[in-house]
Amino acid sequence: MNQDSLNVEIDRLVKEFGSVHDLDYVNDLVRTSLQLGTDQTTTLDLKIASSALREMRDAFQMFQPHAHRRKVTIFGSARTKPHDPLYNHTENIARELAQRGWMVVTGAGPGIMEAGMSGAGRSQSIGVSIRLPFESSANPIIAGDDKFVSMRYFFTRKLMLVKESHAFICMPGGFGTLDETFELLTLVQTGKSAPTPIVMLDLPGDDFWHSIDDVVQKQMLKRSLVSPEDLDLYRVCETIEDAVSEITLFYRNYHSIRFVGKHLVVRLQLPPTELLLEELNAEFGYLCKAGSFERISATPSEISDNDHLDKFRIRFEFVRDDFGGLRRLINKLNQAATEPQ
């Protein structure tokens, strides 16, 4: 069967299946699956592709009813015991955010993951576990809940732990926690993930994350392996109050971003004033590849998608290689929300 005939058959099959939306993407999924089968792909590679797609579908379905809720993902060690002060520290931060309406997402295992769910409570918790031979499927708080999904692969699990959340708390942990933390920083630094508050939370007087921060500043920054602006992508905190403020104040005025053509559209809770635009152009003009910051209404693409039409907007032609600078811009927008204009 030639490519044109295959496309016709796929179109027919998809349309006969029922009420399918985004037909082009569904057709592409079917086409790619068939091509995997004709590319002499190994059995192992087919198993990986099949399992990954099935896991993502399960997770998408699990998260979908909660799409409108703010969520915070908590990373941390599975080895932390309930008597460890870190366990209680995690419970407290999770409880505080849950009381403010946030849902708490964790890897559903023991240790810090269980502490986060203990603090938030079952009704406010979402679990994305990894199947390991030496670890149970899920902690007792979330096991059996319809807000729990189990993954075979770390990469699909990490995708869901990052994709669905609006803030992140990194508690002390081992290789896995550092892997999650630095992948998250890389995603935000490169623009593969939207700007979000990233809190590295120590116990008062402890130096776990302060020591990591020292390595970043004294080794990476000193060798020009990261830029000074990259240090604004995260914040080391010790107290619950500081961590909660870092997360909640991030959304005081800033709402979200979207690329529309060559422009970056920044959605805001409050209308940007002329004075604010002047300050942005003076302080952050280096983020503009061309032109300047300007106030706009919702773009045609956003209107077509019904994408947060109630928010205020500014746009600019972003240089796309300074997401640390973008974080500083967001801080400025949030600061402006409390200043007289």
C-alpha atoms as a PDB file:
ATOM      1  CA  MET A   1       0.000   0.000   0.000  1.00  0.00           C
ATOM      2  CA  ASN A   2       1.455   3.377  -0.996  1.00  0.00           C
ATOM      3  CA  GLN A   3       1.525   6.382   1.313  1.00  0.00           C
ATOM      4  CA  ASP A   4      -1.511   8.094  -0.221  1.00  0.00           C
ATOM      5  CA  SER A   5      -3.640   4.952   0.092  1.00  0.00           C
ATOM      6  CA  LEU A   6      -2.468   4.491   3.680  1.00  0.00           C
ATOM      7  CA  ASN A   7      -3.459   8.044   4.547  1.00  0.00           C
ATOM      8  CA  VAL A   8      -6.931   7.508   3.085  1.00  0.00           C
ATOM      9  CA  GLU A   9      -7.404   4.300   5.091  1.00  0.00           C
ATOM     10  CA  ILE A  10      -6.211   5.941   8.297  1.00  0.00           C
ATOM     11  CA  ASP A  11      -8.593   8.860   7.769  1.00  0.00           C
ATOM     12  CA  ARG A  12     -11.465   6.452   7.212  1.00  0.00           C
ATOM     13  CA  LEU A  13     -10.606   4.343  10.261  1.00  0.00           C
ATOM     14  CA  VAL A  14     -10.279   7.340  12.578  1.00  0.00           C
ATOM     15  CA  LYS A  15     -13.542   8.888  11.393  1.00  0.00           C
ATOM     16  CA  GLU A  16     -15.415   5.600  11.803  1.00  0.00           C
ATOM     17  CA  PHE A  17     -14.086   5.175  15.336  1.00  0.00           C
ATOM     18  CA  GLY A  18     -16.342   7.892  16.696  1.00  0.00           C
ATOM     19  CA  SER A  19     -16.128  11.366  18.169  1.00  0.00           C
ATOM     20  CA  VAL A  20     -12.413  11.994  17.729  1.00  0.00           C
ATOM     21  CA  HIS A  21     -11.102  15.544  18.127  1.00  0.00           C
ATOM     22  CA  ASP A  22      -7.844  16.911  16.713  1.00  0.00           C
ATOM     23  CA  LEU A  23      -8.010  14.480  13.808  1.00  0.00           C
ATOM     24  CA  ASP A  24      -4.634  15.499  12.388  1.00  0.00           C
ATOM     25  CA  TYR A  25      -2.803  14.509  15.576  1.00  0.00           C
ATOM     26  CA  VAL A  26      -4.731  11.259  15.970  1.00  0.00           C
ATOM     27  CA  ASN A  27      -4.020  10.374  12.339  1.00  0.00           C
ATOM     28  CA  ASP A  28      -0.343  11.056  12.944  1.00  0.00           C
ATOM     29  CA  LEU A  29      -0.310   8.774  16.005  1.00  0.00           C
ATOM     30  CA  VAL A  30      -1.877   5.933  14.004  1.00  0.00           C
ATOM     31  CA  ARG A  31       0.457   6.520  11.064  1.00  0.00           C
ATOM     32  CA  THR A  32       3.561   6.594  13.243  1.00  0.00           C
ATOM     33  CA  SER A  33       2.498   3.389  15.027  1.00  0.00           C
ATOM     34  CA  LEU A  34       2.081   1.581  11.707  1.00  0.00           C
ATOM     35  CA  GLN A  35       5.419   2.893  10.479  1.00  0.00           C
ATOM     36  CA  LEU A  36       7.105   1.547  13.611  1.00  0.00           C
ATOM     37  CA  GLY A  37       5.769  -1.856  12.636  1.00  0.00           C
ATOM     38  CA  THR A  38       7.158  -1.635   9.101  1.00  0.00           C
ATOM     39  CA  ASP A  39      10.552  -0.142  10.012  1.00  0.00           C
ATOM     40  CA  GLN A  40      12.032  -3.426  11.258  1.00  0.00           C
ATOM     41  CA  THR A  41      11.805  -1.971  14.754  1.00  0.00           C
ATOM     42  CA  THR A  42      12.958  -4.495  17.354  1.00  0.00           C
ATOM     43  CA  THR A  43      10.458  -6.155  19.654  1.00  0.00           C
ATOM     44  CA  LEU A  44      12.019  -4.421  22.665  1.00  0.00           C
ATOM     45  CA  ASP A  45      11.715  -0.996  21.049  1.00  0.00           C
ATOM     46  CA  LEU A  46       8.096  -1.685  20.111  1.00  0.00           C
ATOM     47  CA  LYS A  47       7.381  -2.680  23.723  1.00  0.00           C
ATOM     48  CA  ILE A  48       8.939   0.569  24.950  1.00  0.00           C
ATOM     49  CA  ALA A  49       6.913   2.684  22.516  1.00  0.00           C
ATOM     50  CA  SER A  50       3.677   0.821  23.228  1.00  0.00           C
ATOM     51  CA  SER A  51       4.075   0.942  27.015  1.00  0.00           C
ATOM     52  CA  ALA A  52       5.083   4.616  27.017  1.00  0.00           C
ATOM     53  CA  LEU A  53       2.075   5.661  24.934  1.00  0.00           C
ATOM     54  CA  ARG A  54      -0.302   3.601  27.069  1.00  0.00           C
ATOM     55  CA  GLU A  55       1.156   5.030  30.287  1.00  0.00           C
ATOM     56  CA  MET A  56       0.816   8.585  29.020  1.00  0.00           C
ATOM     57  CA  ARG A  57      -2.810   7.971  28.058  1.00  0.00           C
ATOM     58  CA  ASP A  58      -3.560   6.603  31.539  1.00  0.00           C
ATOM     59  CA  ALA A  59      -1.884   9.616  33.167  1.00  0.00           C
ATOM     60  CA  PHE A  60      -3.603  12.152  30.899  1.00  0.00           C
ATOM     61  CA  GLN A  61      -6.963  10.630  31.820  1.00  0.00           C
ATOM     62  CA  MET A  62      -6.106  10.674  35.520  1.00  0.00           C
ATOM     63  CA  PHE A  63      -5.034  14.327  35.537  1.00  0.00           C
ATOM     64  CA  GLN A  64      -7.778  15.646  33.243  1.00  0.00           C
ATOM     65  CA  PRO A  65     -10.531  16.136  35.882  1.00  0.00           C
ATOM     66  CA  HIS A  66      -8.110  18.293  37.893  1.00  0.00           C
ATOM     67  CA  ALA A  67      -6.800  20.435  35.021  1.00  0.00           C
ATOM     68  CA  HIS A  68      -8.293  23.597  36.531  1.00  0.00           C
ATOM     69  CA  ARG A  69      -6.524  23.162  39.901  1.00  0.00           C
ATOM     70  CA  ARG A  70      -3.163  24.593  40.898  1.00  0.00           C
ATOM     71  CA  LYS A  71      -0.722  21.776  41.656  1.00  0.00           C
ATOM     72  CA  VAL A  72       2.641  21.584  43.366  1.00  0.00           C
ATOM     73  CA  THR A  73       4.989  18.640  42.839  1.00  0.00           C
ATOM     74  CA  ILE A  74       7.169  17.606  45.772  1.00  0.00           C
ATOM     75  CA  PHE A  75      10.420  15.749  45.064  1.00  0.00           C
ATOM     76  CA  GLY A  76      12.434  14.049  47.797  1.00  0.00           C
ATOM     77  CA  SER A  77      13.937  10.869  49.162  1.00  0.00           C
ATOM     78  CA  ALA A  78      11.990   7.637  49.536  1.00  0.00           C
ATOM     79  CA  ARG A  79      14.333   6.767  52.436  1.00  0.00           C
ATOM     80  CA  THR A  80      13.237   9.536  54.811  1.00  0.00           C
ATOM     81  CA  LYS A  81      11.578   7.996  57.889  1.00  0.00           C
ATOM     82  CA  PRO A  82       8.521   9.379  59.724  1.00  0.00           C
ATOM     83  CA  HIS A  83      10.654  10.280  62.762  1.00  0.00           C
ATOM     84  CA  ASP A  84      13.005  12.403  60.614  1.00  0.00           C
ATOM     85  CA  PRO A  85      12.376  16.168  61.015  1.00  0.00           C
ATOM     86  CA  LEU A  86      12.356  16.422  57.207  1.00  0.00           C
ATOM     87  CA  TYR A  87       9.237  14.248  57.143  1.00  0.00           C
ATOM     88  CA  ASN A  88       7.370  16.663  59.395  1.00  0.00           C
ATOM     89  CA  HIS A  89       8.736  19.662  57.454  1.00  0.00           C
ATOM     90  CA  THR A  90       7.311  18.157  54.260  1.00  0.00           C
ATOM     91  CA  GLU A  91       3.958  17.442  55.895  1.00  0.00           C
ATOM     92  CA  ASN A  92       3.746  21.046  57.046  1.00  0.00           C
ATOM     93  CA  ILE A  93       4.491  22.648  53.670  1.00  0.00           C
ATOM     94  CA  ALA A  94       2.058  20.293  51.930  1.00  0.00           C
ATOM     95  CA  ARG A  95      -0.650  20.987  54.506  1.00  0.00           C
ATOM     96  CA  GLU A  96      -0.178  24.741  54.207  1.00  0.00           C
ATOM     97  CA  LEU A  97      -0.487  24.696  50.418  1.00  0.00           C
ATOM     98  CA  ALA A  98      -3.446  22.297  50.468  1.00  0.00           C
ATOM     99  CA  GLN A  99      -5.257  24.676  52.816  1.00  0.00           C
ATOM    100  CA  ARG A 100      -4.717  27.363  50.182  1.00  0.00           C
ATOM    101  CA  GLY A 101      -6.380  25.214  47.535  1.00  0.00           C
ATOM    102  CA  TRP A 102      -3.351  23.575  45.950  1.00  0.00           C
ATOM    103  CA  MET A 103      -3.205  19.889  45.079  1.00  0.00           C
ATOM    104  CA  VAL A 104       0.004  18.035  45.949  1.00  0.00           C
ATOM    105  CA  VAL A 105       1.631  15.716  43.405  1.00  0.00           C
ATOM    106  CA  THR A 106       4.316  13.224  44.422  1.00  0.00           C
ATOM    107  CA  GLY A 107       5.864  10.009  43.199  1.00  0.00           C
ATOM    108  CA  ALA A 108       3.464   8.109  45.495  1.00  0.00           C
ATOM    109  CA  GLY A 109       6.230   6.194  47.234  1.00  0.00           C
ATOM    110  CA  PRO A 110       7.387   6.196  50.881  1.00  0.00           C
ATOM    111  CA  GLY A 111       9.491   8.823  52.631  1.00  0.00           C
ATOM    112  CA  ILE A 112       9.133  12.421  51.485  1.00  0.00           C
ATOM    113  CA  MET A 113       6.517  11.397  48.920  1.00  0.00           C
ATOM    114  CA  GLU A 114       4.294   9.901  51.605  1.00  0.00           C
ATOM    115  CA  ALA A 115       4.913  12.889  53.886  1.00  0.00           C
ATOM    116  CA  GLY A 116       3.635  15.259  51.207  1.00  0.00           C
ATOM    117  CA  MET A 117       0.465  13.245  50.821  1.00  0.00           C
ATOM    118  CA  SER A 118       0.046  12.934  54.579  1.00  0.00           C
ATOM    119  CA  GLY A 119       0.137  16.704  54.902  1.00  0.00           C
ATOM    120  CA  ALA A 120      -2.190  17.379  51.978  1.00  0.00           C
ATOM    121  CA  GLY A 121      -4.599  14.542  52.701  1.00  0.00           C
ATOM    122  CA  ARG A 122      -5.836  11.906  50.283  1.00  0.00           C
ATOM    123  CA  SER A 123      -8.448  14.155  48.672  1.00  0.00           C
ATOM    124  CA  GLN A 124      -5.831  16.772  47.753  1.00  0.00           C
ATOM    125  CA  SER A 125      -3.132  14.312  46.630  1.00  0.00           C
ATOM    126  CA  ILE A 126      -2.156  12.937  43.217  1.00  0.00           C
ATOM    127  CA  GLY A 127       0.317  10.073  42.879  1.00  0.00           C
ATOM    128  CA  VAL A 128       2.508   9.011  39.952  1.00  0.00           C
ATOM    129  CA  SER A 129       4.523   5.982  41.046  1.00  0.00           C
ATOM    130  CA  ILE A 130       7.313   3.981  39.453  1.00  0.00           C
ATOM    131  CA  ARG A 131       7.227   0.194  39.475  1.00  0.00           C
ATOM    132  CA  LEU A 132      10.408  -1.045  41.155  1.00  0.00           C
ATOM    133  CA  PRO A 133      11.229  -4.547  42.429  1.00  0.00           C
ATOM    134  CA  PHE A 134      12.289  -3.208  45.846  1.00  0.00           C
ATOM    135  CA  GLU A 135       9.486  -0.690  46.385  1.00  0.00           C
ATOM    136  CA  SER A 136       5.759  -1.191  46.864  1.00  0.00           C
ATOM    137  CA  SER A 137       3.356   0.139  44.255  1.00  0.00           C
ATOM    138  CA  ALA A 138       2.126   3.102  46.294  1.00  0.00           C
ATOM    139  CA  ASN A 139       2.029   4.399  49.834  1.00  0.00           C
ATOM    140  CA  PRO A 140      -1.154   3.630  51.809  1.00  0.00           C
ATOM    141  CA  ILE A 141      -2.427   7.216  51.599  1.00  0.00           C
ATOM    142  CA  ILE A 142      -2.953   7.137  47.822  1.00  0.00           C
ATOM    143  CA  ALA A 143      -3.067   3.398  46.992  1.00  0.00           C
ATOM    144  CA  GLY A 144      -6.305   2.492  45.234  1.00  0.00           C
ATOM    145  CA  ASP A 145      -7.337   6.106  44.683  1.00  0.00           C
ATOM    146  CA  ASP A 146      -8.547   7.266  41.279  1.00  0.00           C
ATOM    147  CA  LYS A 147      -5.898   9.998  41.491  1.00  0.00           C
ATOM    148  CA  PHE A 148      -3.082   7.456  41.335  1.00  0.00           C
ATOM    149  CA  VAL A 149      -1.308   6.026  38.298  1.00  0.00           C
ATOM    150  CA  SER A 150       1.643   3.641  38.108  1.00  0.00           C
ATOM    151  CA  MET A 151       4.444   3.919  35.534  1.00  0.00           C
ATOM    152  CA  ARG A 152       6.991   1.478  34.195  1.00  0.00           C
ATOM    153  CA  TYR A 153       9.407   4.075  32.868  1.00  0.00           C
ATOM    154  CA  PHE A 154      11.086   6.926  34.704  1.00  0.00           C
ATOM    155  CA  PHE A 155      10.897   9.205  31.665  1.00  0.00           C
ATOM    156  CA  THR A 156       7.103   8.973  31.397  1.00  0.00           C
ATOM    157  CA  ARG A 157       6.778   9.409  35.143  1.00  0.00           C
ATOM    158  CA  LYS A 158       8.978  12.506  35.175  1.00  0.00           C
ATOM    159  CA  LEU A 159       7.024  13.941  32.251  1.00  0.00           C
ATOM    160  CA  MET A 160       3.785  13.766  34.230  1.00  0.00           C
ATOM    161  CA  LEU A 161       5.333  15.002  37.481  1.00  0.00           C
ATOM    162  CA  VAL A 162       6.577  18.113  35.660  1.00  0.00           C
ATOM    163  CA  LYS A 163       4.002  18.745  32.928  1.00  0.00           C
ATOM    164  CA  GLU A 164       0.967  19.080  35.174  1.00  0.00           C
ATOM    165  CA  SER A 165       2.357  21.234  37.982  1.00  0.00           C
ATOM    166  CA  HIS A 166       2.530  24.966  38.596  1.00  0.00           C
ATOM    167  CA  ALA A 167       5.211  24.897  41.314  1.00  0.00           C
ATOM    168  CA  PHE A 168       7.883  22.566  42.661  1.00  0.00           C
ATOM    169  CA  ILE A 169       9.338  21.850  46.080  1.00  0.00           C
ATOM    170  CA  CYS A 170      12.598  19.911  46.164  1.00  0.00           C
ATOM    171  CA  MET A 171      13.354  18.337  49.532  1.00  0.00           C
ATOM    172  CA  PRO A 172      16.753  16.774  50.319  1.00  0.00           C
ATOM    173  CA  GLY A 173      17.259  13.436  48.603  1.00  0.00           C
ATOM    174  CA  GLY A 174      19.640  11.178  46.739  1.00  0.00           C
ATOM    175  CA  PHE A 175      20.498  10.567  43.103  1.00  0.00           C
ATOM    176  CA  GLY A 176      16.864  10.392  42.012  1.00  0.00           C
ATOM    177  CA  THR A 177      15.929  13.669  43.691  1.00  0.00           C
ATOM    178  CA  LEU A 178      18.951  15.460  42.236  1.00  0.00           C
ATOM    179  CA  ASP A 179      18.149  14.011  38.811  1.00  0.00           C
ATOM    180  CA  GLU A 180      14.581  15.323  39.032  1.00  0.00           C
ATOM    181  CA  THR A 181      15.703  18.705  40.343  1.00  0.00           C
ATOM    182  CA  PHE A 182      18.367  19.367  37.737  1.00  0.00           C
ATOM    183  CA  GLU A 183      16.249  18.079  34.870  1.00  0.00           C
ATOM    184  CA  LEU A 184      13.521  20.463  36.016  1.00  0.00           C
ATOM    185  CA  LEU A 185      16.013  23.346  36.108  1.00  0.00           C
ATOM    186  CA  THR A 186      17.242  22.395  32.636  1.00  0.00           C
ATOM    187  CA  LEU A 187      13.712  22.336  31.236  1.00  0.00           C
ATOM    188  CA  VAL A 188      12.938  25.802  32.600  1.00  0.00           C
ATOM    189  CA  GLN A 189      16.380  27.176  31.675  1.00  0.00           C
ATOM    190  CA  THR A 190      15.946  26.081  28.037  1.00  0.00           C
ATOM    191  CA  GLY A 191      12.295  27.047  27.716  1.00  0.00           C
ATOM    192  CA  LYS A 192      11.093  23.465  27.347  1.00  0.00           C
ATOM    193  CA  SER A 193       8.946  24.022  30.425  1.00  0.00           C
ATOM    194  CA  ALA A 194       7.055  27.167  31.360  1.00  0.00           C
ATOM    195  CA  PRO A 195       8.475  29.399  34.117  1.00  0.00           C
ATOM    196  CA  THR A 196       7.453  28.119  37.546  1.00  0.00           C
ATOM    197  CA  PRO A 197       8.540  28.696  41.140  1.00  0.00           C
ATOM    198  CA  ILE A 198      11.164  26.115  42.136  1.00  0.00           C
ATOM    199  CA  VAL A 199      11.852  25.934  45.876  1.00  0.00           C
ATOM    200  CA  MET A 200      14.720  23.944  47.372  1.00  0.00           C
ATOM    201  CA  LEU A 201      13.554  23.496  50.957  1.00  0.00           C
ATOM    202  CA  ASP A 202      15.978  22.784  53.796  1.00  0.00           C
ATOM    203  CA  LEU A 203      15.311  22.412  57.480  1.00  0.00           C
ATOM    204  CA  PRO A 204      16.165  25.578  59.438  1.00  0.00           C
ATOM    205  CA  GLY A 205      19.918  25.519  60.000  1.00  0.00           C
ATOM    206  CA  ASP A 206      20.524  22.629  57.593  1.00  0.00           C
ATOM    207  CA  ASP A 207      22.807  23.085  54.597  1.00  0.00           C
ATOM    208  CA  PHE A 208      21.797  20.375  52.090  1.00  0.00           C
ATOM    209  CA  TRP A 209      20.493  22.717  49.393  1.00  0.00           C
ATOM    210  CA  HIS A 210      22.764  25.555  50.471  1.00  0.00           C
ATOM    211  CA  SER A 211      25.689  23.225  49.708  1.00  0.00           C
ATOM    212  CA  ILE A 212      24.245  22.408  46.283  1.00  0.00           C
ATOM    213  CA  ASP A 213      23.740  26.130  45.682  1.00  0.00           C
ATOM    214  CA  ASP A 214      27.387  26.710  46.619  1.00  0.00           C
ATOM    215  CA  VAL A 215      28.462  24.248  43.919  1.00  0.00           C
ATOM    216  CA  VAL A 216      26.287  26.044  41.375  1.00  0.00           C
ATOM    217  CA  GLN A 217      27.697  29.456  42.290  1.00  0.00           C
ATOM    218  CA  LYS A 218      31.326  28.592  43.081  1.00  0.00           C
ATOM    219  CA  GLN A 219      31.865  26.014  40.342  1.00  0.00           C
ATOM    220  CA  MET A 220      29.263  26.342  37.568  1.00  0.00           C
ATOM    221  CA  LEU A 221      28.872  30.127  37.624  1.00  0.00           C
ATOM    222  CA  LYS A 222      32.587  30.712  38.184  1.00  0.00           C
ATOM    223  CA  ARG A 223      33.361  28.625  35.083  1.00  0.00           C
ATOM    224  CA  SER A 224      30.589  30.345  33.062  1.00  0.00           C
ATOM    225  CA  LEU A 225      28.709  27.040  32.799  1.00  0.00           C
ATOM    226  CA  VAL A 226      25.539  28.856  33.883  1.00  0.00           C
ATOM    227  CA  SER A 227      24.667  32.542  33.710  1.00  0.00           C
ATOM    228  CA  PRO A 228      23.939  34.855  36.661  1.00  0.00           C
ATOM    229  CA  GLU A 229      20.303  35.021  35.505  1.00  0.00           C
ATOM    230  CA  ASP A 230      20.001  31.236  35.840  1.00  0.00           C
ATOM    231  CA  LEU A 231      20.326  31.601  39.606  1.00  0.00           C
ATOM    232  CA  ASP A 232      16.919  33.300  39.596  1.00  0.00           C
ATOM    233  CA  LEU A 233      15.273  30.091  38.374  1.00  0.00           C
ATOM    234  CA  TYR A 234      15.247  28.649  41.904  1.00  0.00           C
ATOM    235  CA  ARG A 235      15.314  29.732  45.522  1.00  0.00           C
ATOM    236  CA  VAL A 236      16.706  27.985  48.590  1.00  0.00           C
ATOM    237  CA  CYS A 237      14.354  28.329  51.575  1.00  0.00           C
ATOM    238  CA  GLU A 238      14.365  27.043  55.145  1.00  0.00           C
ATOM    239  CA  THR A 239      11.004  28.090  56.551  1.00  0.00           C
ATOM    240  CA  ILE A 240       7.510  27.081  55.506  1.00  0.00           C
ATOM    241  CA  GLU A 241       6.516  30.747  55.379  1.00  0.00           C
ATOM    242  CA  ASP A 242       9.257  31.664  52.901  1.00  0.00           C
ATOM    243  CA  ALA A 243       8.548  28.644  50.703  1.00  0.00           C
ATOM    244  CA  VAL A 244       4.804  29.310  50.577  1.00  0.00           C
ATOM    245  CA  SER A 245       5.411  32.981  49.773  1.00  0.00           C
ATOM    246  CA  GLU A 246       7.807  32.111  46.952  1.00  0.00           C
ATOM    247  CA  ILE A 247       5.166  29.872  45.384  1.00  0.00           C
ATOM    248  CA  THR A 248       1.994  31.862  45.896  1.00  0.00           C
ATOM    249  CA  LEU A 249       3.434  35.306  45.121  1.00  0.00           C
ATOM    250  CA  PHE A 250       4.687  34.007  41.772  1.00  0.00           C
ATOM    251  CA  TYR A 251       1.048  34.078  40.646  1.00  0.00           C
ATOM    252  CA  ARG A 252       0.117  37.376  42.303  1.00  0.00           C
ATOM    253  CA  ASN A 253       0.000  39.105  38.888  1.00  0.00           C
ATOM    254  CA  TYR A 254       1.648  36.716  36.423  1.00  0.00           C
ATOM    255  CA  HIS A 255      -0.694  34.043  35.075  1.00  0.00           C
ATOM    256  CA  SER A 256       0.887  32.223  32.110  1.00  0.00           C
ATOM    257  CA  ILE A 257       2.713  32.596  28.806  1.00  0.00           C
ATOM    258  CA  ARG A 258       2.118  31.499  25.240  1.00  0.00           C
ATOM    259  CA  PHE A 259       4.155  31.881  22.076  1.00  0.00           C
ATOM    260  CA  VAL A 260       2.062  33.285  19.226  1.00  0.00           C
ATOM    261  CA  GLY A 261       4.087  33.518  16.046  1.00  0.00           C
ATOM    262  CA  LYS A 262       7.321  35.352  16.789  1.00  0.00           C
ATOM    263  CA  HIS A 263       5.952  36.975  19.935  1.00  0.00           C
ATOM    264  CA  LEU A 264       5.747  35.827  23.535  1.00  0.00           C
ATOM    265  CA  VAL A 265       2.391  36.720  25.083  1.00  0.00           C
ATOM    266  CA  VAL A 266       2.435  37.147  28.872  1.00  0.00           C
ATOM    267  CA  ARG A 267      -0.981  36.867  30.547  1.00  0.00           C
ATOM    268  CA  LEU A 268      -1.573  38.947  33.682  1.00  0.00           C
ATOM    269  CA  GLN A 269      -4.149  39.250  36.441  1.00  0.00           C
ATOM    270  CA  LEU A 270      -3.997  43.063  36.453  1.00  0.00           C
ATOM    271  CA  PRO A 271      -3.960  45.586  33.595  1.00  0.00           C
ATOM    272  CA  PRO A 272      -0.432  46.818  32.773  1.00  0.00           C
ATOM    273  CA  THR A 273      -0.102  50.589  33.136  1.00  0.00           C
ATOM    274  CA  GLU A 274       1.819  52.920  30.840  1.00  0.00           C
ATOM    275  CA  LEU A 275       4.342  53.480  33.622  1.00  0.00           C
ATOM    276  CA  LEU A 276       4.911  49.735  33.956  1.00  0.00           C
ATOM    277  CA  LEU A 277       5.467  49.390  30.205  1.00  0.00           C
ATOM    278  CA  GLU A 278       8.008  52.211  30.329  1.00  0.00           C
ATOM    279  CA  GLU A 279       9.838  50.475  33.183  1.00  0.00           C
ATOM    280  CA  LEU A 280       9.817  47.127  31.378  1.00  0.00           C
ATOM    281  CA  ASN A 281      11.266  48.646  28.228  1.00  0.00           C
ATOM    282  CA  ALA A 282      13.941  50.440  30.253  1.00  0.00           C
ATOM    283  CA  GLU A 283      14.933  47.473  32.442  1.00  0.00           C
ATOM    284  CA  PHE A 284      14.231  44.478  30.215  1.00  0.00           C
ATOM    285  CA  GLY A 285      14.670  45.783  26.694  1.00  0.00           C
ATOM    286  CA  TYR A 286      17.540  43.297  26.302  1.00  0.00           C
ATOM    287  CA  LEU A 287      14.937  40.507  26.260  1.00  0.00           C
ATOM    288  CA  CYS A 288      13.403  41.932  23.067  1.00  0.00           C
ATOM    289  CA  LYS A 289      14.881  40.625  19.828  1.00  0.00           C
ATOM    290  CA  ALA A 290      13.179  43.541  18.102  1.00  0.00           C
ATOM    291  CA  GLY A 291      10.594  46.134  19.050  1.00  0.00           C
ATOM    292  CA  SER A 292       9.413  46.635  22.609  1.00  0.00           C
ATOM    293  CA  PHE A 293       6.913  45.533  25.232  1.00  0.00           C
ATOM    294  CA  GLU A 294       3.353  46.416  24.293  1.00  0.00           C
ATOM    295  CA  ARG A 295      -0.110  45.962  25.757  1.00  0.00           C
ATOM    296  CA  ILE A 296      -2.464  43.859  23.615  1.00  0.00           C
ATOM    297  CA  SER A 297      -5.839  42.132  23.633  1.00  0.00           C
ATOM    298  CA  ALA A 298      -6.214  38.383  23.166  1.00  0.00           C
ATOM    299  CA  THR A 299      -4.718  37.205  19.877  1.00  0.00           C
ATOM    300  CA  PRO A 300      -6.796  35.395  17.222  1.00  0.00           C
ATOM    301  CA  SER A 301      -5.066  32.113  18.122  1.00  0.00           C
ATOM    302  CA  GLU A 302      -5.991  32.517  21.773  1.00  0.00           C
ATOM    303  CA  ILE A 303      -9.561  33.455  20.898  1.00  0.00           C
ATOM    304  CA  SER A 304      -9.839  30.376  18.666  1.00  0.00           C
ATOM    305  CA  ASP A 305      -8.648  28.180  21.547  1.00  0.00           C
ATOM    306  CA  ASN A 306     -10.644  30.066  24.209  1.00  0.00           C
ATOM    307  CA  ASP A 307      -7.311  30.435  25.993  1.00  0.00           C
ATOM    308  CA  HIS A 308      -7.701  32.539  29.167  1.00  0.00           C
ATOM    309  CA  LEU A 309      -9.560  35.330  27.400  1.00  0.00           C
ATOM    310  CA  ASP A 310     -10.317  37.064  30.707  1.00  0.00           C
ATOM    311  CA  LYS A 311      -6.642  37.892  31.385  1.00  0.00           C
ATOM    312  CA  PHE A 312      -4.720  41.056  30.536  1.00  0.00           C
ATOM    313  CA  ARG A 313      -1.752  40.807  28.173  1.00  0.00           C
ATOM    314  CA  ILE A 314       1.584  42.182  27.133  1.00  0.00           C
ATOM    315  CA  ARG A 315       3.714  40.839  24.311  1.00  0.00           C
ATOM    316  CA  PHE A 316       7.244  41.164  22.983  1.00  0.00           C
ATOM    317  CA  GLU A 317       9.557  39.426  20.546  1.00  0.00           C
ATOM    318  CA  PHE A 318      11.508  37.319  23.030  1.00  0.00           C
ATOM    319  CA  VAL A 319      15.169  36.503  22.381  1.00  0.00           C
ATOM    320  CA  ARG A 320      14.405  32.906  23.484  1.00  0.00           C
ATOM    321  CA  ASP A 321      17.802  32.279  25.063  1.00  0.00           C
ATOM    322  CA  ASP A 322      17.463  34.010  28.434  1.00  0.00           C
ATOM    323  CA  PHE A 323      14.794  32.324  30.511  1.00  0.00           C
ATOM    324  CA  GLY A 324      16.537  33.436  33.674  1.00  0.00           C
ATOM    325  CA  GLY A 325      15.937  36.978  32.458  1.00  0.00           C
ATOM    326  CA  LEU A 326      12.314  36.052  31.770  1.00  0.00           C
ATOM    327  CA  ARG A 327      12.006  34.958  35.399  1.00  0.00           C
ATOM    328  CA  ARG A 328      13.328  38.362  36.488  1.00  0.00           C
ATOM    329  CA  LEU A 329      10.705  39.976  34.252  1.00  0.00           C
ATOM    330  CA  ILE A 330       7.981  37.917  35.945  1.00  0.00           C
ATOM    331  CA  ASN A 331       9.297  39.001  39.344  1.00  0.00           C
ATOM    332  CA  LYS A 332       9.013  42.613  38.198  1.00  0.00           C
ATOM    333  CA  LEU A 333       5.423  42.086  37.027  1.00  0.00           C
ATOM    334  CA  ASN A 334       4.497  40.556  40.378  1.00  0.00           C
ATOM    335  CA  GLN A 335       6.242  43.330  42.287  1.00  0.00           C
ATOM    336  CA  ALA A 336       4.284  45.902  40.285  1.00  0.00           C
ATOM    337  CA  ALA A 337       1.043  44.380  41.553  1.00  0.00           C
ATOM    338  CA  THR A 338       1.718  45.813  45.025  1.00  0.00           C
ATOM    339  CA  GLU A 339       3.227  49.150  44.019  1.00  0.00           C
ATOM    340  CA  PRO A 340       1.239  52.332  43.337  1.00  0.00           C
ATOM    341  CA  GLN A 341       1.476  53.210  39.671  1.00  0.00           C
END
